[in-house]
Amino acid sequence: MMDWGTLSGIMTSIILVLFLGIWIWAWQPERKKSFDEAAQLALDDPETPDQPASSNQQAEKAK
């Protein structure tokens, strides 16, 4: 029968392998484009939360 120390070591090893797998997946070069696009989503939104879209468009026309 396993004791708590053995079970704890097995769980730590599993979590470490999962972490390394996710880290390797995230840093693959082919993922860079999709992550860069996702990082720009908040900056690309022309509307601000405190102004309705029509006010925002009128302010741009005035410039």
C-alpha atoms as a PDB file:
ATOM      1  CA  MET A   1       0.000   0.000   0.000  1.00  0.00           C
ATOM      2  CA  MET A   2       1.214   3.539  -0.803  1.00  0.00           C
ATOM      3  CA  ASP A   3       1.857   6.024   1.940  1.00  0.00           C
ATOM      4  CA  TRP A   4       1.238   9.775   1.715  1.00  0.00           C
ATOM      5  CA  GLY A   5       4.855  10.538   0.800  1.00  0.00           C
ATOM      6  CA  THR A   6       4.758   8.265  -2.253  1.00  0.00           C
ATOM      7  CA  LEU A   7       1.382   9.601  -3.369  1.00  0.00           C
ATOM      8  CA  SER A   8       2.587  13.171  -2.908  1.00  0.00           C
ATOM      9  CA  GLY A   9       5.696  12.453  -5.008  1.00  0.00           C
ATOM     10  CA  ILE A  10       3.619  10.897  -7.792  1.00  0.00           C
ATOM     11  CA  MET A  11       1.200  13.837  -7.858  1.00  0.00           C
ATOM     12  CA  THR A  12       4.079  16.332  -7.900  1.00  0.00           C
ATOM     13  CA  SER A  13       5.654  14.491 -10.831  1.00  0.00           C
ATOM     14  CA  ILE A  14       2.378  14.456 -12.770  1.00  0.00           C
ATOM     15  CA  ILE A  15       1.815  18.170 -12.198  1.00  0.00           C
ATOM     16  CA  LEU A  16       5.412  18.943 -13.241  1.00  0.00           C
ATOM     17  CA  VAL A  17       5.004  16.985 -16.486  1.00  0.00           C
ATOM     18  CA  LEU A  18       1.700  18.771 -17.216  1.00  0.00           C
ATOM     19  CA  PHE A  19       3.281  22.167 -16.554  1.00  0.00           C
ATOM     20  CA  LEU A  20       6.225  21.425 -18.842  1.00  0.00           C
ATOM     21  CA  GLY A  21       3.874  20.146 -21.559  1.00  0.00           C
ATOM     22  CA  ILE A  22       1.764  23.311 -21.464  1.00  0.00           C
ATOM     23  CA  TRP A  23       4.904  25.484 -21.391  1.00  0.00           C
ATOM     24  CA  ILE A  24       6.346  23.740 -24.451  1.00  0.00           C
ATOM     25  CA  TRP A  25       3.003  23.993 -26.272  1.00  0.00           C
ATOM     26  CA  ALA A  26       2.685  27.720 -25.529  1.00  0.00           C
ATOM     27  CA  TRP A  27       6.220  28.563 -26.687  1.00  0.00           C
ATOM     28  CA  GLN A  28       6.039  26.770 -30.026  1.00  0.00           C
ATOM     29  CA  PRO A  29       6.848  29.204 -32.866  1.00  0.00           C
ATOM     30  CA  GLU A  30       3.656  28.449 -34.820  1.00  0.00           C
ATOM     31  CA  ARG A  31       1.549  29.712 -31.866  1.00  0.00           C
ATOM     32  CA  LYS A  32       3.180  33.176 -31.874  1.00  0.00           C
ATOM     33  CA  LYS A  33       0.844  34.668 -34.501  1.00  0.00           C
ATOM     34  CA  SER A  34      -2.356  33.640 -32.716  1.00  0.00           C
ATOM     35  CA  PHE A  35      -1.033  34.815 -29.327  1.00  0.00           C
ATOM     36  CA  ASP A  36       0.039  38.166 -30.810  1.00  0.00           C
ATOM     37  CA  GLU A  37      -3.414  38.614 -32.345  1.00  0.00           C
ATOM     38  CA  ALA A  38      -5.084  37.768 -29.029  1.00  0.00           C
ATOM     39  CA  ALA A  39      -2.837  40.258 -27.220  1.00  0.00           C
ATOM     40  CA  GLN A  40      -4.009  43.048 -29.533  1.00  0.00           C
ATOM     41  CA  LEU A  41      -7.761  42.390 -29.197  1.00  0.00           C
ATOM     42  CA  ALA A  42      -8.296  44.840 -26.344  1.00  0.00           C
ATOM     43  CA  LEU A  43      -6.280  47.537 -28.094  1.00  0.00           C
ATOM     44  CA  ASP A  44      -8.090  47.162 -31.422  1.00  0.00           C
ATOM     45  CA  ASP A  45     -11.553  47.892 -29.976  1.00  0.00           C
ATOM     46  CA  PRO A  46     -12.534  51.385 -31.193  1.00  0.00           C
ATOM     47  CA  GLU A  47     -15.276  51.820 -28.578  1.00  0.00           C
ATOM     48  CA  THR A  48     -14.514  52.864 -25.023  1.00  0.00           C
ATOM     49  CA  PRO A  49     -16.763  51.690 -22.189  1.00  0.00           C
ATOM     50  CA  ASP A  50     -17.598  55.209 -20.985  1.00  0.00           C
ATOM     51  CA  GLN A  51     -18.622  56.520 -24.421  1.00  0.00           C
ATOM     52  CA  PRO A  52     -21.258  55.127 -26.746  1.00  0.00           C
ATOM     53  CA  ALA A  53     -20.142  54.285 -30.278  1.00  0.00           C
ATOM     54  CA  SER A  54     -21.987  57.232 -31.802  1.00  0.00           C
ATOM     55  CA  SER A  55     -20.211  59.753 -29.533  1.00  0.00           C
ATOM     56  CA  ASN A  56     -16.884  58.165 -30.336  1.00  0.00           C
ATOM     57  CA  GLN A  57     -17.520  58.423 -34.077  1.00  0.00           C
ATOM     58  CA  GLN A  58     -18.629  62.069 -33.761  1.00  0.00           C
ATOM     59  CA  ALA A  59     -15.449  62.937 -31.872  1.00  0.00           C
ATOM     60  CA  GLU A  60     -13.338  61.362 -34.627  1.00  0.00           C
ATOM     61  CA  LYS A  61     -15.204  63.320 -37.329  1.00  0.00           C
ATOM     62  CA  ALA A  62     -14.562  66.582 -35.468  1.00  0.00           C
ATOM     63  CA  LYS A  63     -10.795  66.052 -35.669  1.00  0.00           C
END
